[in-house]
Amino acid sequence: MVNLSEEEAKALGNYLHPNHLIIQCKQAAVRVSPQTWEAIEARMLLVPSD
């Protein structure tokens, strides 16, 4: 069990909601190639390595 502060819970929600929308878009976008989605996910979901 994890106890999150109200601020931490809000930050987690702010992270998860857009990711859920991305998944919904991916499921609906039948004309987008897997390679294109891979590039989109890499830009939006992964932390860039500097």
C-alpha atoms as a PDB file:
ATOM      1  CA  MET A   1       0.000   0.000   0.000  1.00  0.00           C
ATOM      2  CA  VAL A   2       1.237   3.454  -0.867  1.00  0.00           C
ATOM      3  CA  ASN A   3       0.185   6.573   0.988  1.00  0.00           C
ATOM      4  CA  LEU A   4       0.277   9.615  -1.267  1.00  0.00           C
ATOM      5  CA  SER A   5      -0.210  13.178  -0.221  1.00  0.00           C
ATOM      6  CA  GLU A   6      -2.980  15.106  -1.950  1.00  0.00           C
ATOM      7  CA  GLU A   7      -0.362  16.889  -4.062  1.00  0.00           C
ATOM      8  CA  GLU A   8       1.295  13.611  -5.070  1.00  0.00           C
ATOM      9  CA  ALA A   9      -2.064  12.053  -5.954  1.00  0.00           C
ATOM     10  CA  LYS A  10      -2.914  15.051  -8.131  1.00  0.00           C
ATOM     11  CA  ALA A  11       0.483  14.861  -9.873  1.00  0.00           C
ATOM     12  CA  LEU A  12      -0.050  11.155 -10.541  1.00  0.00           C
ATOM     13  CA  GLY A  13      -3.486  11.881 -11.996  1.00  0.00           C
ATOM     14  CA  ASN A  14      -1.981  14.616 -14.165  1.00  0.00           C
ATOM     15  CA  TYR A  15       0.454  12.019 -15.516  1.00  0.00           C
ATOM     16  CA  LEU A  16      -1.960   9.123 -15.956  1.00  0.00           C
ATOM     17  CA  HIS A  17      -4.852  10.967 -17.611  1.00  0.00           C
ATOM     18  CA  PRO A  18      -2.903  12.114 -20.711  1.00  0.00           C
ATOM     19  CA  ASN A  19      -1.388   8.648 -21.041  1.00  0.00           C
ATOM     20  CA  HIS A  20      -4.866   7.121 -20.983  1.00  0.00           C
ATOM     21  CA  LEU A  21      -5.921   9.533 -23.735  1.00  0.00           C
ATOM     22  CA  ILE A  22      -2.892   8.509 -25.811  1.00  0.00           C
ATOM     23  CA  ILE A  23      -3.878   4.853 -25.491  1.00  0.00           C
ATOM     24  CA  GLN A  24      -7.435   5.642 -26.570  1.00  0.00           C
ATOM     25  CA  CYS A  25      -6.143   7.566 -29.580  1.00  0.00           C
ATOM     26  CA  LYS A  26      -3.827   4.713 -30.504  1.00  0.00           C
ATOM     27  CA  GLN A  27      -6.703   2.244 -30.411  1.00  0.00           C
ATOM     28  CA  ALA A  28      -8.867   4.503 -32.581  1.00  0.00           C
ATOM     29  CA  ALA A  29      -6.201   5.471 -35.139  1.00  0.00           C
ATOM     30  CA  VAL A  30      -6.299   2.515 -37.480  1.00  0.00           C
ATOM     31  CA  ARG A  31      -4.477   4.356 -40.270  1.00  0.00           C
ATOM     32  CA  VAL A  32      -1.368   5.210 -38.259  1.00  0.00           C
ATOM     33  CA  SER A  33       1.543   2.824 -38.723  1.00  0.00           C
ATOM     34  CA  PRO A  34       3.134   1.048 -35.756  1.00  0.00           C
ATOM     35  CA  GLN A  35       6.396   2.867 -36.499  1.00  0.00           C
ATOM     36  CA  THR A  36       4.658   6.241 -36.268  1.00  0.00           C
ATOM     37  CA  TRP A  37       3.060   5.308 -32.944  1.00  0.00           C
ATOM     38  CA  GLU A  38       6.413   4.129 -31.654  1.00  0.00           C
ATOM     39  CA  ALA A  39       7.895   7.532 -32.464  1.00  0.00           C
ATOM     40  CA  ILE A  40       4.969   9.338 -30.823  1.00  0.00           C
ATOM     41  CA  GLU A  41       5.247   7.234 -27.688  1.00  0.00           C
ATOM     42  CA  ALA A  42       8.996   7.734 -27.504  1.00  0.00           C
ATOM     43  CA  ARG A  43       8.579  11.513 -27.593  1.00  0.00           C
ATOM     44  CA  MET A  44       5.672  11.677 -25.173  1.00  0.00           C
ATOM     45  CA  LEU A  45       6.163   8.867 -22.684  1.00  0.00           C
ATOM     46  CA  LEU A  46       9.873   8.333 -22.297  1.00  0.00           C
ATOM     47  CA  VAL A  47      12.232  10.536 -20.361  1.00  0.00           C
ATOM     48  CA  PRO A  48      14.892  11.854 -22.748  1.00  0.00           C
ATOM     49  CA  SER A  49      18.408  10.746 -21.923  1.00  0.00           C
ATOM     50  CA  ASP A  50      20.742  13.729 -21.884  1.00  0.00           C
END
